[in-house]
Amino acid sequence: MEFFIPGLFLFLVTLFITFHLAPKATPFMASILSIIFLSYGVYHHQKLFAAEYRLSTWQDGLKIYAPAIMILAIVIYIIYGILAFFTGGKVPIPSVLNVSLPSANSMKNSITNSMESLGNTVTNSLNNMASFNNGNKKGNNGSLLENLGNSLGMNQNKNKKNNTSRSFLETV
């Protein structure tokens, strides 16, 4: 319990700061606070691990390469500066191809036609699938519910023709 109450209090204070103060902060204020917290974190880290940094010796062999790395970085920076100076610092941008689009009316007409044909197809399919006439149309084998009932074995009294429609459990 001695850890729960202070943790709960800290959580509630954090929620208050997050929802009430942070949205009103400006980006300039956020950058200043991030610099302050980063500086404090580096200071605390150095203070906490000072003995490890003093006793660390693995990087001593790399100290002899430091001047060469710095000279190489400066030479690359100078070469980049010279090239940027003589080329004007401009990056060549390739030209974009001119793509001709169809007119809005032709697009609207094609979309309308496709939506109408899709609507007709869906309507016809649903009408054929859910029709409740019992085989009056040529090629229609009854309604969807009747076919479902036949396949589940629920329409035994209605369909005594050849008893060709049996459920899966009846065949097993």
N, C-alpha and C. Protein backbone atom coordinates (compact mmCIF):
# COMPACT_ATOMS: atom_id res chain seq x y z
N MET A 1 0.82 -1.19 0.00
CA MET A 1 0.00 0.00 0.00
C MET A 1 0.87 1.25 0.00
N GLU A 2 2.08 1.12 0.55
CA GLU A 2 2.94 2.29 0.61
C GLU A 2 3.45 2.71 -0.76
N PHE A 3 3.43 1.83 -1.76
CA PHE A 3 3.82 2.19 -3.12
C PHE A 3 2.61 2.58 -3.97
N PHE A 4 1.42 2.14 -3.59
CA PHE A 4 0.23 2.36 -4.41
C PHE A 4 -0.24 3.81 -4.37
N ILE A 5 -0.36 4.40 -3.21
CA ILE A 5 -0.90 5.74 -3.07
C ILE A 5 0.00 6.78 -3.76
N PRO A 6 1.32 6.80 -3.54
CA PRO A 6 2.14 7.78 -4.26
C PRO A 6 2.13 7.55 -5.78
N GLY A 7 2.10 6.29 -6.19
CA GLY A 7 2.04 6.00 -7.63
C GLY A 7 0.74 6.46 -8.24
N LEU A 8 -0.36 6.26 -7.51
CA LEU A 8 -1.67 6.72 -7.98
C LEU A 8 -1.71 8.24 -8.05
N PHE A 9 -1.15 8.90 -7.05
CA PHE A 9 -1.09 10.36 -7.05
C PHE A 9 -0.26 10.87 -8.24
N LEU A 10 0.87 10.24 -8.49
CA LEU A 10 1.72 10.63 -9.62
C LEU A 10 1.00 10.41 -10.94
N PHE A 11 0.26 9.32 -11.05
CA PHE A 11 -0.51 9.04 -12.26
C PHE A 11 -1.58 10.11 -12.48
N LEU A 12 -2.29 10.50 -11.43
CA LEU A 12 -3.33 11.52 -11.56
C LEU A 12 -2.75 12.88 -11.91
N VAL A 13 -1.60 13.23 -11.33
CA VAL A 13 -0.94 14.50 -11.68
C VAL A 13 -0.50 14.47 -13.14
N THR A 14 0.01 13.35 -13.60
CA THR A 14 0.43 13.22 -15.00
C THR A 14 -0.76 13.35 -15.94
N LEU A 15 -1.90 12.74 -15.58
CA LEU A 15 -3.10 12.89 -16.39
C LEU A 15 -3.56 14.35 -16.44
N PHE A 16 -3.51 15.04 -15.31
CA PHE A 16 -3.90 16.45 -15.29
C PHE A 16 -3.00 17.28 -16.20
N ILE A 17 -1.70 17.05 -16.09
CA ILE A 17 -0.76 17.81 -16.94
C ILE A 17 -0.99 17.48 -18.41
N THR A 18 -1.19 16.21 -18.71
CA THR A 18 -1.35 15.79 -20.10
C THR A 18 -2.61 16.37 -20.74
N PHE A 19 -3.73 16.35 -20.01
CA PHE A 19 -5.00 16.76 -20.62
C PHE A 19 -5.33 18.24 -20.45
N HIS A 20 -4.71 18.93 -19.47
CA HIS A 20 -5.07 20.32 -19.24
C HIS A 20 -3.97 21.31 -19.58
N LEU A 21 -2.74 20.96 -19.35
CA LEU A 21 -1.66 21.92 -19.59
C LEU A 21 -0.94 21.69 -20.92
N ALA A 22 -0.73 20.45 -21.31
CA ALA A 22 0.04 20.17 -22.53
C ALA A 22 -0.64 20.69 -23.80
N PRO A 23 -1.95 20.60 -23.96
CA PRO A 23 -2.54 21.14 -25.20
C PRO A 23 -2.40 22.65 -25.34
N LYS A 24 -2.22 23.36 -24.23
CA LYS A 24 -2.08 24.82 -24.28
C LYS A 24 -0.64 25.25 -24.48
N ALA A 25 0.29 24.32 -24.42
CA ALA A 25 1.71 24.66 -24.57
C ALA A 25 2.04 24.91 -26.04
N THR A 26 2.95 25.82 -26.28
CA THR A 26 3.38 26.13 -27.65
C THR A 26 4.55 25.23 -28.02
N PRO A 27 4.84 25.09 -29.30
CA PRO A 27 6.02 24.31 -29.71
C PRO A 27 7.32 24.88 -29.15
N PHE A 28 7.40 26.19 -29.01
CA PHE A 28 8.60 26.80 -28.44
C PHE A 28 8.78 26.36 -26.99
N MET A 29 7.69 26.35 -26.25
CA MET A 29 7.75 25.91 -24.85
C MET A 29 8.11 24.42 -24.76
N ALA A 30 7.58 23.63 -25.67
CA ALA A 30 7.90 22.20 -25.68
C ALA A 30 9.37 21.98 -26.00
N SER A 31 9.92 22.76 -26.92
CA SER A 31 11.35 22.60 -27.25
C SER A 31 12.23 23.03 -26.08
N ILE A 32 11.88 24.10 -25.39
CA ILE A 32 12.65 24.54 -24.22
C ILE A 32 12.60 23.47 -23.13
N LEU A 33 11.40 22.93 -22.86
CA LEU A 33 11.29 21.89 -21.83
C LEU A 33 12.05 20.63 -22.22
N SER A 34 12.03 20.26 -23.51
CA SER A 34 12.78 19.07 -23.92
C SER A 34 14.28 19.28 -23.77
N ILE A 35 14.78 20.47 -24.05
CA ILE A 35 16.21 20.75 -23.85
C ILE A 35 16.56 20.68 -22.36
N ILE A 36 15.69 21.22 -21.52
CA ILE A 36 15.95 21.18 -20.07
C ILE A 36 15.96 19.74 -19.57
N PHE A 37 14.96 18.95 -19.96
CA PHE A 37 14.90 17.55 -19.50
C PHE A 37 16.04 16.72 -20.06
N LEU A 38 16.45 16.97 -21.30
CA LEU A 38 17.60 16.25 -21.86
C LEU A 38 18.88 16.60 -21.13
N SER A 39 19.07 17.87 -20.81
CA SER A 39 20.26 18.28 -20.07
C SER A 39 20.28 17.64 -18.69
N TYR A 40 19.12 17.63 -18.02
CA TYR A 40 19.06 17.00 -16.71
C TYR A 40 19.33 15.50 -16.81
N GLY A 41 18.81 14.85 -17.83
CA GLY A 41 19.04 13.41 -18.00
C GLY A 41 20.51 13.09 -18.25
N VAL A 42 21.17 13.89 -19.08
CA VAL A 42 22.61 13.66 -19.33
C VAL A 42 23.40 13.90 -18.05
N TYR A 43 23.09 14.98 -17.31
CA TYR A 43 23.80 15.27 -16.06
C TYR A 43 23.60 14.14 -15.06
N HIS A 44 22.37 13.67 -14.91
CA HIS A 44 22.09 12.60 -13.96
C HIS A 44 22.79 11.31 -14.38
N HIS A 45 22.80 11.01 -15.68
CA HIS A 45 23.47 9.81 -16.17
C HIS A 45 24.98 9.88 -15.90
N GLN A 46 25.58 11.02 -16.18
CA GLN A 46 27.02 11.17 -15.93
C GLN A 46 27.33 11.05 -14.43
N LYS A 47 26.47 11.62 -13.60
CA LYS A 47 26.69 11.56 -12.16
C LYS A 47 26.52 10.12 -11.65
N LEU A 48 25.54 9.39 -12.19
CA LEU A 48 25.26 8.04 -11.73
C LEU A 48 26.33 7.05 -12.17
N PHE A 49 26.83 7.20 -13.40
CA PHE A 49 27.79 6.25 -13.95
C PHE A 49 29.19 6.83 -14.10
N ALA A 50 29.58 7.74 -13.23
CA ALA A 50 30.88 8.38 -13.32
C ALA A 50 32.01 7.36 -13.15
N ALA A 51 31.85 6.42 -12.25
CA ALA A 51 32.92 5.43 -12.02
C ALA A 51 33.10 4.54 -13.24
N GLU A 52 32.01 4.14 -13.89
CA GLU A 52 32.11 3.31 -15.08
C GLU A 52 32.81 4.05 -16.22
N TYR A 53 32.51 5.34 -16.37
CA TYR A 53 33.17 6.11 -17.42
C TYR A 53 34.66 6.27 -17.13
N ARG A 54 35.04 6.46 -15.86
CA ARG A 54 36.45 6.60 -15.51
C ARG A 54 37.23 5.32 -15.73
N LEU A 55 36.61 4.16 -15.44
CA LEU A 55 37.31 2.89 -15.52
C LEU A 55 37.20 2.22 -16.90
N SER A 56 36.47 2.83 -17.79
CA SER A 56 36.29 2.25 -19.12
C SER A 56 37.55 2.45 -19.96
N THR A 57 38.06 1.37 -20.53
CA THR A 57 39.32 1.47 -21.29
C THR A 57 39.20 0.94 -22.72
N TRP A 58 38.06 0.42 -23.13
CA TRP A 58 37.97 -0.19 -24.45
C TRP A 58 38.12 0.82 -25.57
N GLN A 59 37.78 2.09 -25.33
CA GLN A 59 37.87 3.08 -26.39
C GLN A 59 39.24 3.75 -26.46
N ASP A 60 40.17 3.38 -25.60
CA ASP A 60 41.50 3.99 -25.64
C ASP A 60 42.23 3.68 -26.94
N GLY A 61 41.99 2.49 -27.50
CA GLY A 61 42.65 2.14 -28.77
C GLY A 61 42.11 2.94 -29.94
N LEU A 62 40.93 3.45 -29.84
CA LEU A 62 40.33 4.23 -30.92
C LEU A 62 40.76 5.69 -30.92
N LYS A 63 41.39 6.15 -29.84
CA LYS A 63 41.79 7.56 -29.75
C LYS A 63 42.80 7.94 -30.83
N ILE A 64 43.57 6.99 -31.31
CA ILE A 64 44.57 7.33 -32.32
C ILE A 64 43.93 7.58 -33.69
N TYR A 65 42.71 7.13 -33.90
CA TYR A 65 42.02 7.34 -35.17
C TYR A 65 41.20 8.62 -35.20
N ALA A 66 41.03 9.29 -34.10
CA ALA A 66 40.18 10.48 -34.03
C ALA A 66 40.65 11.59 -34.96
N PRO A 67 41.94 11.94 -35.02
CA PRO A 67 42.35 13.01 -35.95
C PRO A 67 42.06 12.66 -37.42
N ALA A 68 42.29 11.42 -37.80
CA ALA A 68 42.04 11.03 -39.19
C ALA A 68 40.54 11.11 -39.52
N ILE A 69 39.70 10.71 -38.59
CA ILE A 69 38.25 10.78 -38.82
C ILE A 69 37.80 12.23 -38.96
N MET A 70 38.34 13.11 -38.12
CA MET A 70 37.97 14.52 -38.20
C MET A 70 38.45 15.15 -39.50
N ILE A 71 39.68 14.84 -39.93
CA ILE A 71 40.20 15.39 -41.19
C ILE A 71 39.37 14.89 -42.36
N LEU A 72 39.00 13.62 -42.37
CA LEU A 72 38.18 13.06 -43.44
C LEU A 72 36.80 13.73 -43.48
N ALA A 73 36.20 13.95 -42.34
CA ALA A 73 34.89 14.61 -42.29
C ALA A 73 34.98 16.04 -42.82
N ILE A 74 36.05 16.75 -42.48
CA ILE A 74 36.22 18.13 -42.96
C ILE A 74 36.43 18.15 -44.46
N VAL A 75 37.24 17.22 -45.00
CA VAL A 75 37.49 17.17 -46.44
C VAL A 75 36.19 16.87 -47.20
N ILE A 76 35.40 15.95 -46.70
CA ILE A 76 34.12 15.64 -47.36
C ILE A 76 33.20 16.85 -47.31
N TYR A 77 33.17 17.56 -46.21
CA TYR A 77 32.34 18.75 -46.10
C TYR A 77 32.80 19.83 -47.07
N ILE A 78 34.11 20.02 -47.23
CA ILE A 78 34.64 21.02 -48.16
C ILE A 78 34.29 20.64 -49.60
N ILE A 79 34.44 19.37 -49.96
CA ILE A 79 34.10 18.93 -51.31
C ILE A 79 32.61 19.15 -51.58
N TYR A 80 31.78 18.84 -50.61
CA TYR A 80 30.34 19.07 -50.76
C TYR A 80 30.06 20.56 -50.94
N GLY A 81 30.73 21.41 -50.18
CA GLY A 81 30.53 22.86 -50.30
C GLY A 81 30.95 23.38 -51.66
N ILE A 82 32.08 22.90 -52.19
CA ILE A 82 32.55 23.33 -53.52
C ILE A 82 31.55 22.90 -54.59
N LEU A 83 31.11 21.66 -54.53
CA LEU A 83 30.15 21.19 -55.53
C LEU A 83 28.83 21.95 -55.44
N ALA A 84 28.36 22.24 -54.24
CA ALA A 84 27.13 22.99 -54.08
C ALA A 84 27.30 24.42 -54.58
N PHE A 85 28.50 25.00 -54.41
CA PHE A 85 28.75 26.37 -54.86
C PHE A 85 28.74 26.45 -56.38
N PHE A 86 29.40 25.52 -57.06
CA PHE A 86 29.51 25.58 -58.51
C PHE A 86 28.26 25.07 -59.23
N THR A 87 27.50 24.23 -58.61
CA THR A 87 26.27 23.76 -59.27
C THR A 87 25.08 24.62 -58.88
N GLY A 88 25.27 25.59 -58.06
CA GLY A 88 24.17 26.46 -57.65
C GLY A 88 23.32 25.85 -56.55
N GLY A 89 23.66 24.68 -56.11
CA GLY A 89 22.92 24.06 -55.02
C GLY A 89 21.54 23.60 -55.43
N LYS A 90 21.29 23.50 -56.73
CA LYS A 90 19.97 23.09 -57.19
C LYS A 90 19.95 21.58 -57.44
N VAL A 91 18.86 20.99 -57.09
CA VAL A 91 18.67 19.57 -57.33
C VAL A 91 17.82 19.44 -58.59
N PRO A 92 18.29 18.69 -59.60
CA PRO A 92 17.47 18.57 -60.81
C PRO A 92 16.19 17.80 -60.53
N ILE A 93 15.08 18.38 -60.95
CA ILE A 93 13.77 17.75 -60.75
C ILE A 93 13.27 17.31 -62.12
N PRO A 94 13.01 16.04 -62.29
CA PRO A 94 12.53 15.59 -63.60
C PRO A 94 11.12 16.14 -63.87
N SER A 95 10.85 16.36 -65.15
CA SER A 95 9.53 16.88 -65.51
C SER A 95 8.49 15.76 -65.41
N VAL A 96 7.31 16.14 -65.01
CA VAL A 96 6.22 15.19 -64.86
C VAL A 96 5.48 15.09 -66.19
N LEU A 97 5.17 13.87 -66.60
CA LEU A 97 4.44 13.68 -67.84
C LEU A 97 3.03 14.25 -67.72
N ASN A 98 2.55 14.82 -68.82
CA ASN A 98 1.20 15.38 -68.85
C ASN A 98 0.23 14.25 -69.17
N VAL A 99 -0.55 13.88 -68.19
CA VAL A 99 -1.50 12.79 -68.35
C VAL A 99 -2.87 13.40 -68.63
N SER A 100 -3.48 12.99 -69.72
CA SER A 100 -4.80 13.52 -70.04
C SER A 100 -5.86 12.63 -69.41
N LEU A 101 -6.74 13.25 -68.68
CA LEU A 101 -7.80 12.53 -68.00
C LEU A 101 -9.09 12.68 -68.78
N PRO A 102 -9.98 11.71 -68.71
CA PRO A 102 -11.27 11.87 -69.38
C PRO A 102 -12.09 12.96 -68.71
N SER A 103 -13.05 13.47 -69.43
CA SER A 103 -13.87 14.54 -68.88
C SER A 103 -14.73 14.02 -67.74
N ALA A 104 -15.19 14.94 -66.93
CA ALA A 104 -15.99 14.57 -65.77
C ALA A 104 -17.32 13.96 -66.19
N ASN A 105 -17.91 14.46 -67.28
CA ASN A 105 -19.20 13.92 -67.73
C ASN A 105 -19.07 12.47 -68.18
N SER A 106 -17.99 12.15 -68.90
CA SER A 106 -17.84 10.76 -69.35
C SER A 106 -17.57 9.83 -68.17
N MET A 107 -16.83 10.32 -67.19
CA MET A 107 -16.61 9.51 -65.98
C MET A 107 -17.93 9.29 -65.25
N LYS A 108 -18.73 10.36 -65.15
CA LYS A 108 -20.01 10.25 -64.44
C LYS A 108 -20.93 9.27 -65.17
N ASN A 109 -20.96 9.36 -66.50
CA ASN A 109 -21.83 8.47 -67.26
C ASN A 109 -21.40 7.01 -67.11
N SER A 110 -20.09 6.74 -67.17
CA SER A 110 -19.63 5.36 -67.04
C SER A 110 -19.88 4.81 -65.65
N ILE A 111 -19.70 5.63 -64.63
CA ILE A 111 -19.95 5.18 -63.26
C ILE A 111 -21.45 4.94 -63.06
N THR A 112 -22.28 5.84 -63.60
CA THR A 112 -23.72 5.68 -63.46
C THR A 112 -24.18 4.40 -64.16
N ASN A 113 -23.68 4.17 -65.37
CA ASN A 113 -24.08 2.96 -66.10
C ASN A 113 -23.66 1.70 -65.37
N SER A 114 -22.44 1.69 -64.84
CA SER A 114 -21.97 0.50 -64.14
C SER A 114 -22.76 0.28 -62.84
N MET A 115 -23.12 1.36 -62.15
CA MET A 115 -23.90 1.21 -60.92
C MET A 115 -25.31 0.72 -61.23
N GLU A 116 -25.90 1.19 -62.34
CA GLU A 116 -27.23 0.72 -62.71
C GLU A 116 -27.22 -0.76 -63.05
N SER A 117 -26.21 -1.18 -63.83
CA SER A 117 -26.15 -2.60 -64.19
C SER A 117 -25.86 -3.47 -62.97
N LEU A 118 -25.04 -2.97 -62.06
CA LEU A 118 -24.77 -3.70 -60.83
C LEU A 118 -26.03 -3.82 -59.99
N GLY A 119 -26.79 -2.72 -59.91
CA GLY A 119 -28.04 -2.74 -59.14
C GLY A 119 -29.04 -3.71 -59.74
N ASN A 120 -29.14 -3.72 -61.08
CA ASN A 120 -30.07 -4.66 -61.72
C ASN A 120 -29.65 -6.10 -61.48
N THR A 121 -28.35 -6.36 -61.57
CA THR A 121 -27.86 -7.71 -61.36
C THR A 121 -28.13 -8.18 -59.93
N VAL A 122 -27.85 -7.32 -58.96
CA VAL A 122 -28.07 -7.67 -57.56
C VAL A 122 -29.55 -7.88 -57.29
N THR A 123 -30.39 -7.00 -57.84
CA THR A 123 -31.84 -7.13 -57.63
C THR A 123 -32.36 -8.42 -58.22
N ASN A 124 -31.94 -8.73 -59.44
CA ASN A 124 -32.39 -9.98 -60.07
C ASN A 124 -31.91 -11.19 -59.29
N SER A 125 -30.66 -11.16 -58.82
CA SER A 125 -30.13 -12.29 -58.06
C SER A 125 -30.90 -12.49 -56.77
N LEU A 126 -31.17 -11.38 -56.07
CA LEU A 126 -31.91 -11.50 -54.81
C LEU A 126 -33.34 -11.96 -55.04
N ASN A 127 -33.96 -11.47 -56.12
CA ASN A 127 -35.32 -11.91 -56.41
C ASN A 127 -35.35 -13.40 -56.74
N ASN A 128 -34.38 -13.86 -57.52
CA ASN A 128 -34.33 -15.28 -57.86
C ASN A 128 -34.03 -16.15 -56.64
N MET A 129 -33.15 -15.64 -55.77
CA MET A 129 -32.74 -16.42 -54.63
C MET A 129 -33.83 -16.49 -53.57
N ALA A 130 -34.56 -15.41 -53.37
CA ALA A 130 -35.53 -15.36 -52.28
C ALA A 130 -36.97 -15.47 -52.78
N SER A 131 -37.16 -15.92 -54.00
CA SER A 131 -38.54 -16.03 -54.50
C SER A 131 -39.25 -17.16 -53.75
N PHE A 132 -40.51 -16.92 -53.42
CA PHE A 132 -41.25 -17.89 -52.63
C PHE A 132 -42.29 -18.67 -53.46
N ASN A 133 -42.14 -18.64 -54.80
CA ASN A 133 -43.03 -19.49 -55.58
C ASN A 133 -42.43 -20.88 -55.62
N ASN A 134 -43.21 -21.87 -55.52
CA ASN A 134 -42.71 -23.23 -55.37
C ASN A 134 -42.56 -23.91 -56.71
N GLY A 135 -41.65 -23.44 -57.49
CA GLY A 135 -41.35 -24.10 -58.74
C GLY A 135 -42.25 -23.70 -59.88
N ASN A 136 -42.95 -22.56 -59.79
CA ASN A 136 -43.83 -22.15 -60.87
C ASN A 136 -43.05 -21.68 -62.08
N LYS A 137 -41.90 -21.04 -61.85
CA LYS A 137 -41.09 -20.57 -62.97
C LYS A 137 -40.28 -21.72 -63.53
N LYS A 138 -39.99 -21.62 -64.79
CA LYS A 138 -39.21 -22.68 -65.43
C LYS A 138 -37.77 -22.60 -64.93
N GLY A 139 -37.24 -23.68 -64.46
CA GLY A 139 -35.86 -23.72 -63.99
C GLY A 139 -35.70 -23.31 -62.54
N ASN A 140 -36.78 -22.93 -61.86
CA ASN A 140 -36.68 -22.52 -60.46
C ASN A 140 -36.97 -23.73 -59.60
N ASN A 141 -36.10 -24.00 -58.65
CA ASN A 141 -36.24 -25.20 -57.82
C ASN A 141 -36.84 -24.89 -56.45
N GLY A 142 -37.61 -23.84 -56.33
CA GLY A 142 -38.21 -23.51 -55.05
C GLY A 142 -37.49 -22.34 -54.40
N SER A 143 -37.98 -21.94 -53.24
CA SER A 143 -37.42 -20.79 -52.56
C SER A 143 -36.14 -21.16 -51.82
N LEU A 144 -35.44 -20.11 -51.40
CA LEU A 144 -34.21 -20.30 -50.64
C LEU A 144 -34.50 -21.01 -49.33
N LEU A 145 -35.56 -20.60 -48.65
CA LEU A 145 -35.89 -21.22 -47.37
C LEU A 145 -36.28 -22.68 -47.55
N GLU A 146 -37.00 -22.97 -48.63
CA GLU A 146 -37.40 -24.34 -48.87
C GLU A 146 -36.19 -25.22 -49.17
N ASN A 147 -35.28 -24.71 -49.98
CA ASN A 147 -34.06 -25.48 -50.27
C ASN A 147 -33.22 -25.69 -49.02
N LEU A 148 -33.16 -24.65 -48.18
CA LEU A 148 -32.41 -24.78 -46.93
C LEU A 148 -33.08 -25.83 -46.03
N GLY A 149 -34.41 -25.79 -45.96
CA GLY A 149 -35.12 -26.78 -45.16
C GLY A 149 -34.92 -28.18 -45.69
N ASN A 150 -34.90 -28.33 -47.02
CA ASN A 150 -34.68 -29.65 -47.60
C ASN A 150 -33.29 -30.17 -47.27
N SER A 151 -32.30 -29.30 -47.34
CA SER A 151 -30.93 -29.77 -47.09
C SER A 151 -30.72 -30.10 -45.62
N LEU A 152 -31.49 -29.46 -44.73
CA LEU A 152 -31.36 -29.76 -43.30
C LEU A 152 -32.28 -30.89 -42.86
N GLY A 153 -33.13 -31.38 -43.77
CA GLY A 153 -34.02 -32.48 -43.43
C GLY A 153 -35.24 -32.05 -42.67
N MET A 154 -35.63 -30.78 -42.78
CA MET A 154 -36.78 -30.29 -42.04
C MET A 154 -38.07 -30.42 -42.82
N ASN A 155 -38.04 -30.61 -44.11
CA ASN A 155 -39.24 -30.66 -44.95
C ASN A 155 -39.53 -32.10 -45.37
N GLN A 156 -39.55 -33.00 -44.46
CA GLN A 156 -39.76 -34.41 -44.79
C GLN A 156 -41.20 -34.68 -45.23
N ASN A 157 -42.16 -34.00 -44.60
CA ASN A 157 -43.56 -34.23 -44.94
C ASN A 157 -43.93 -33.60 -46.27
N LYS A 158 -43.33 -32.48 -46.62
CA LYS A 158 -43.67 -31.78 -47.84
C LYS A 158 -43.07 -32.44 -49.06
N ASN A 159 -41.86 -32.93 -48.96
CA ASN A 159 -41.14 -33.46 -50.12
C ASN A 159 -40.97 -34.97 -50.00
N LYS A 160 -41.96 -35.69 -50.38
CA LYS A 160 -41.86 -37.15 -50.37
C LYS A 160 -41.71 -37.68 -51.78
N LYS A 161 -41.27 -36.84 -52.73
CA LYS A 161 -41.18 -37.24 -54.14
C LYS A 161 -40.22 -38.41 -54.30
N ASN A 162 -38.96 -38.12 -54.31
CA ASN A 162 -37.95 -39.17 -54.45
C ASN A 162 -37.03 -39.23 -53.24
N ASN A 163 -37.23 -38.29 -52.31
CA ASN A 163 -36.39 -38.18 -51.14
C ASN A 163 -34.91 -38.06 -51.52
N THR A 164 -34.66 -37.26 -52.57
CA THR A 164 -33.28 -37.08 -53.02
C THR A 164 -32.56 -36.01 -52.22
N SER A 165 -33.29 -35.19 -51.53
CA SER A 165 -32.68 -34.12 -50.77
C SER A 165 -32.58 -34.56 -49.31
N ARG A 166 -31.39 -34.91 -48.88
CA ARG A 166 -31.18 -35.34 -47.50
C ARG A 166 -30.11 -34.46 -46.86
N SER A 167 -30.16 -34.39 -45.58
CA SER A 167 -29.15 -33.60 -44.90
C SER A 167 -27.85 -34.36 -44.83
N PHE A 168 -26.83 -33.65 -44.48
CA PHE A 168 -25.50 -34.27 -44.36
C PHE A 168 -25.49 -35.33 -43.28
N LEU A 169 -26.17 -35.07 -42.18
CA LEU A 169 -26.17 -36.02 -41.07
C LEU A 169 -26.95 -37.29 -41.43
N GLU A 170 -27.95 -37.19 -42.31
CA GLU A 170 -28.69 -38.38 -42.72
C GLU A 170 -27.84 -39.28 -43.61
N THR A 171 -26.98 -38.71 -44.38
CA THR A 171 -26.15 -39.52 -45.29
C THR A 171 -24.99 -40.18 -44.57
N VAL A 172 -24.59 -39.65 -43.46
CA VAL A 172 -23.46 -40.21 -42.72
C VAL A 172 -23.92 -41.32 -41.88
